[in-house]
Protein backbone atom coordinates (compact mmCIF):
# COMPACT_ATOMS: atom_id res chain seq x y z
CA UNK A 1 144.31 122.30 135.63
CA UNK A 2 141.61 124.60 135.15
CA UNK A 3 139.07 123.28 137.12
CA UNK A 4 140.96 123.02 140.09
CA UNK A 5 140.48 124.33 143.67
CA UNK A 6 143.66 125.47 145.96
CA UNK A 7 142.86 125.76 149.59
CA UNK A 8 145.66 127.57 151.47
CA UNK A 9 145.69 128.52 155.50
CA UNK A 10 148.08 130.91 156.57
CA UNK A 11 149.09 131.50 160.96
CA UNK A 12 147.47 135.05 161.37
CA UNK A 13 149.79 136.19 163.40
CA UNK A 14 153.06 135.40 161.50
CA UNK A 15 151.42 135.28 157.79
CA UNK A 16 153.03 131.51 158.01
CA UNK A 17 151.67 129.08 155.06
CA UNK A 18 150.54 126.20 157.29
CA UNK A 19 148.23 123.81 155.00
CA UNK A 20 147.70 123.87 151.80
CA UNK A 21 145.09 120.95 149.46
CA UNK A 22 144.21 120.81 145.90
CA UNK A 23 141.26 119.29 144.14
CA UNK A 24 141.19 118.40 141.05
CA UNK A 25 138.32 116.82 139.41
CA UNK A 26 137.73 114.35 136.49
CA UNK A 27 137.08 116.18 133.16
CA UNK A 28 137.75 115.15 129.24
CA UNK A 29 141.42 116.61 130.10
CA UNK A 30 141.58 113.82 132.99
CA UNK A 31 143.71 114.23 135.76
CA UNK A 32 147.06 114.31 137.02
CA UNK A 33 147.06 111.06 138.49
CA UNK A 34 146.24 109.72 134.80
CA UNK A 35 150.10 109.65 134.15
CA UNK A 36 150.87 106.57 136.05
CA UNK A 37 147.03 105.14 137.24
CA UNK A 38 144.67 105.39 134.23
CA UNK A 39 144.20 101.78 134.29
CA UNK A 40 142.78 102.08 137.88
CA UNK A 41 140.83 105.27 137.00
CA UNK A 42 139.23 103.96 133.62
CA UNK A 43 137.87 101.39 135.75
CA UNK A 44 136.09 103.77 137.92
CA UNK A 45 134.90 105.54 135.08
CA UNK A 46 133.75 103.01 133.17
CA UNK A 47 131.09 102.05 136.49
CA UNK A 48 130.17 105.56 136.05
CA UNK A 49 131.50 107.36 138.48
CA UNK A 50 132.43 111.06 139.36
CA UNK A 51 136.40 111.15 140.56
CA UNK A 52 138.47 113.76 142.00
CA UNK A 53 141.79 114.08 142.50
CA UNK A 54 143.15 115.75 146.14
CA UNK A 55 146.66 116.69 145.76
CA UNK A 56 149.14 118.53 146.61
CA UNK A 57 148.78 118.71 150.26
CA UNK A 58 151.40 119.75 152.68
CA UNK A 59 150.86 120.73 156.15
CA UNK A 60 153.44 123.04 158.51
CA UNK A 61 155.52 120.29 160.16
CA UNK A 62 155.06 122.64 163.73
CA UNK A 63 150.88 122.43 162.90
CA UNK A 64 150.71 118.40 161.80
CA UNK A 65 153.14 117.18 164.59
CA UNK A 66 151.71 119.57 167.44
CA UNK A 67 147.93 118.73 166.36
CA UNK A 68 145.91 116.79 163.75
CA UNK A 69 143.18 120.03 163.87
CA UNK A 70 144.86 122.06 160.80
CA UNK A 71 144.89 118.73 158.59
CA UNK A 72 141.94 117.16 159.29
CA UNK A 73 139.97 120.32 158.61
CA UNK A 74 142.00 120.17 155.37
CA UNK A 75 140.68 116.89 154.74
CA UNK A 76 137.13 117.87 155.78
CA UNK A 77 136.90 120.99 153.46
CA UNK A 78 137.73 117.83 150.72
CA UNK A 79 135.03 115.58 151.45
CA UNK A 80 132.68 118.62 152.18
CA UNK A 81 133.64 120.66 148.73
CA UNK A 82 133.48 117.18 147.31
CA UNK A 83 130.37 115.44 147.68
CA UNK A 84 128.06 118.96 148.31
CA UNK A 85 129.51 120.76 145.54
CA UNK A 86 130.96 118.66 143.04
CA UNK A 87 128.73 115.98 143.72
CA UNK A 88 131.83 113.22 143.65
CA UNK A 89 131.52 109.76 144.14
CA UNK A 90 135.30 108.66 144.73
CA UNK A 91 138.25 111.41 146.18
CA UNK A 92 141.51 109.31 144.74
CA UNK A 93 145.37 110.33 146.14
CA UNK A 94 148.70 109.26 145.23
CA UNK A 95 150.96 109.73 148.63
CA UNK A 96 154.18 107.82 149.66
CA UNK A 97 153.57 104.59 150.84
CA UNK A 98 154.88 105.43 154.23
CA UNK A 99 151.97 107.55 154.99
CA UNK A 100 149.53 104.97 153.77
CA UNK A 101 148.82 104.14 157.41
CA UNK A 102 147.16 107.43 157.65
CA UNK A 103 144.71 106.86 154.36
CA UNK A 104 144.17 103.27 154.97
CA UNK A 105 143.89 103.01 158.75
CA UNK A 106 142.36 106.78 159.55
CA UNK A 107 140.83 107.63 156.61
CA UNK A 108 139.37 103.94 155.34
CA UNK A 109 141.15 104.63 151.77
CA UNK A 110 141.56 101.44 149.63
CA UNK A 111 144.20 100.76 148.15
CA UNK A 112 143.92 100.83 144.03
CA UNK A 113 147.56 100.32 142.37
CA UNK A 114 151.24 101.56 143.09
CA UNK A 115 154.35 102.06 141.59
CA UNK A 116 158.31 102.41 142.54
CA UNK A 117 158.40 105.88 140.46
CA UNK A 118 155.75 108.53 139.88
CA UNK A 119 157.47 111.42 138.19
CA UNK A 120 154.86 114.11 139.31
CA UNK A 121 155.98 112.67 142.78
CA UNK A 122 159.83 113.71 141.99
CA UNK A 123 160.11 110.05 141.32
CA UNK A 124 159.27 108.68 144.30
CA UNK A 125 157.38 105.68 145.05
CA UNK A 126 153.25 106.01 144.66
CA UNK A 127 150.36 104.72 146.51
CA UNK A 128 146.98 105.05 144.96
CA UNK A 129 144.23 105.22 147.03
CA UNK A 130 140.90 105.78 147.09
CA UNK A 131 137.70 106.87 148.89
CA UNK A 132 134.39 106.08 148.05
CA UNK A 133 132.14 108.70 148.91
CA UNK A 134 129.01 106.34 148.45
CA UNK A 135 129.64 104.10 151.33
CA UNK A 136 132.14 106.16 153.51
CA UNK A 137 129.51 107.35 155.59
CA UNK A 138 128.78 103.76 157.15
CA UNK A 139 131.88 102.60 156.14
CA UNK A 140 133.01 105.36 158.86
CA UNK A 141 130.08 104.79 161.27
CA UNK A 142 130.61 101.32 161.15
CA UNK A 143 134.40 101.48 161.93
CA UNK A 144 134.22 104.44 165.02
CA UNK A 145 130.95 103.03 166.46
CA UNK A 146 132.29 102.82 170.52
CA UNK A 147 134.93 105.64 169.47
CA UNK A 148 134.98 108.76 171.80
CA UNK A 149 133.71 111.52 170.09
CA UNK A 150 136.29 113.55 169.93
CA UNK A 151 138.46 111.18 168.02
CA UNK A 152 135.36 109.83 166.07
CA UNK A 153 135.70 110.85 162.65
CA UNK A 154 132.69 109.85 161.72
CA UNK A 155 131.22 112.43 163.72
CA UNK A 156 134.02 114.84 162.59
CA UNK A 157 133.16 113.95 158.70
CA UNK A 158 129.51 113.52 158.66
CA UNK A 159 127.86 115.02 161.66
CA UNK A 160 129.34 117.73 163.30
CA UNK A 161 128.79 121.03 162.02
CA UNK A 162 132.43 123.07 161.10
CA UNK A 163 131.70 127.03 160.98
CA UNK A 164 134.42 127.69 159.53
CA UNK A 165 132.97 125.49 156.41
CA UNK A 166 130.19 127.17 154.10
CA UNK A 167 129.08 125.73 151.17
CA UNK A 168 126.85 127.08 148.49
CA UNK A 169 125.75 126.72 144.96
CA UNK A 170 127.80 129.58 144.08
CA UNK A 171 131.56 128.71 143.99
CA UNK A 172 132.52 132.35 145.07
CA UNK A 173 130.53 133.29 147.77
CA UNK A 174 131.79 129.81 149.23
CA UNK A 175 135.55 130.71 148.48
CA UNK A 176 134.51 133.92 150.39
CA UNK A 177 132.76 132.69 153.75
CA UNK A 178 135.34 129.80 153.62
CA UNK A 179 137.92 132.43 153.57
CA UNK A 180 136.04 134.91 156.54
CA UNK A 181 135.32 131.99 158.89
CA UNK A 182 138.75 130.25 159.01
CA UNK A 183 140.17 133.78 160.17
CA UNK A 184 137.73 134.43 162.26
CA UNK A 185 137.59 130.93 163.83
CA UNK A 186 141.07 129.36 163.53
CA UNK A 187 143.17 132.38 163.47
CA UNK A 188 144.52 132.22 160.38
CA UNK A 189 143.93 133.73 156.77
CA UNK A 190 143.45 131.30 153.51
CA UNK A 191 144.25 132.52 150.15
CA UNK A 192 142.81 131.40 146.84
C-alpha cells in the first residue's frame, strides 16, 4: 500500500527485531481489510469517517511475554500517529479470535465482523475490530477510572507524554525524531 507506514523496533544490543506494526490510511484504493470486510468498512465510510488500518502487528515472544511495554508503546505510536498526524476517526484491525480479549477488553475495540477463513491471514479465522477514535478518550476515562496509574490505559494513551513519540507536520521529521528517541530511551533502534 503506497501510503502505509511501518514502525520496526530493534534491540540495540543484539540488533534483533522485537516489534513491528504497519498503518494504512484509507484511499481510493481501499484498505487490505476490504478483501473480506468491505461491507463493514463501507458502513463507516458512508458516515464520513476517515479509517486507518493497523496490521502486521508482531512482537518477539521474549519481549511480549516478559512485559507489555513494547507492544503497548507500539499501540500508542499507532494511536498518536492516527489521531495527530492523519486525523483519523477509526482504527480497524483483524486478529485471530484468541487475541480478541486484548483488543476488546483492554483496548476497547468493538467487533464489526468475523469470518472463518481470511486469505490475508494464511486462511486463518479472523475477527474485524474497530476503535472509535472520536469517543476513545471518554470511553477510556470511564473504563479505567479508579485503576492504579501504572495499569491505567487512559493515562497511558491520553495524558502521559512519551519522550519516544514526537509528531510534527513533516513526516520525515516525525520518523527521524522517533528513531532517535526510541534508540536513546529504550535501548533499541527502529528502521523504516
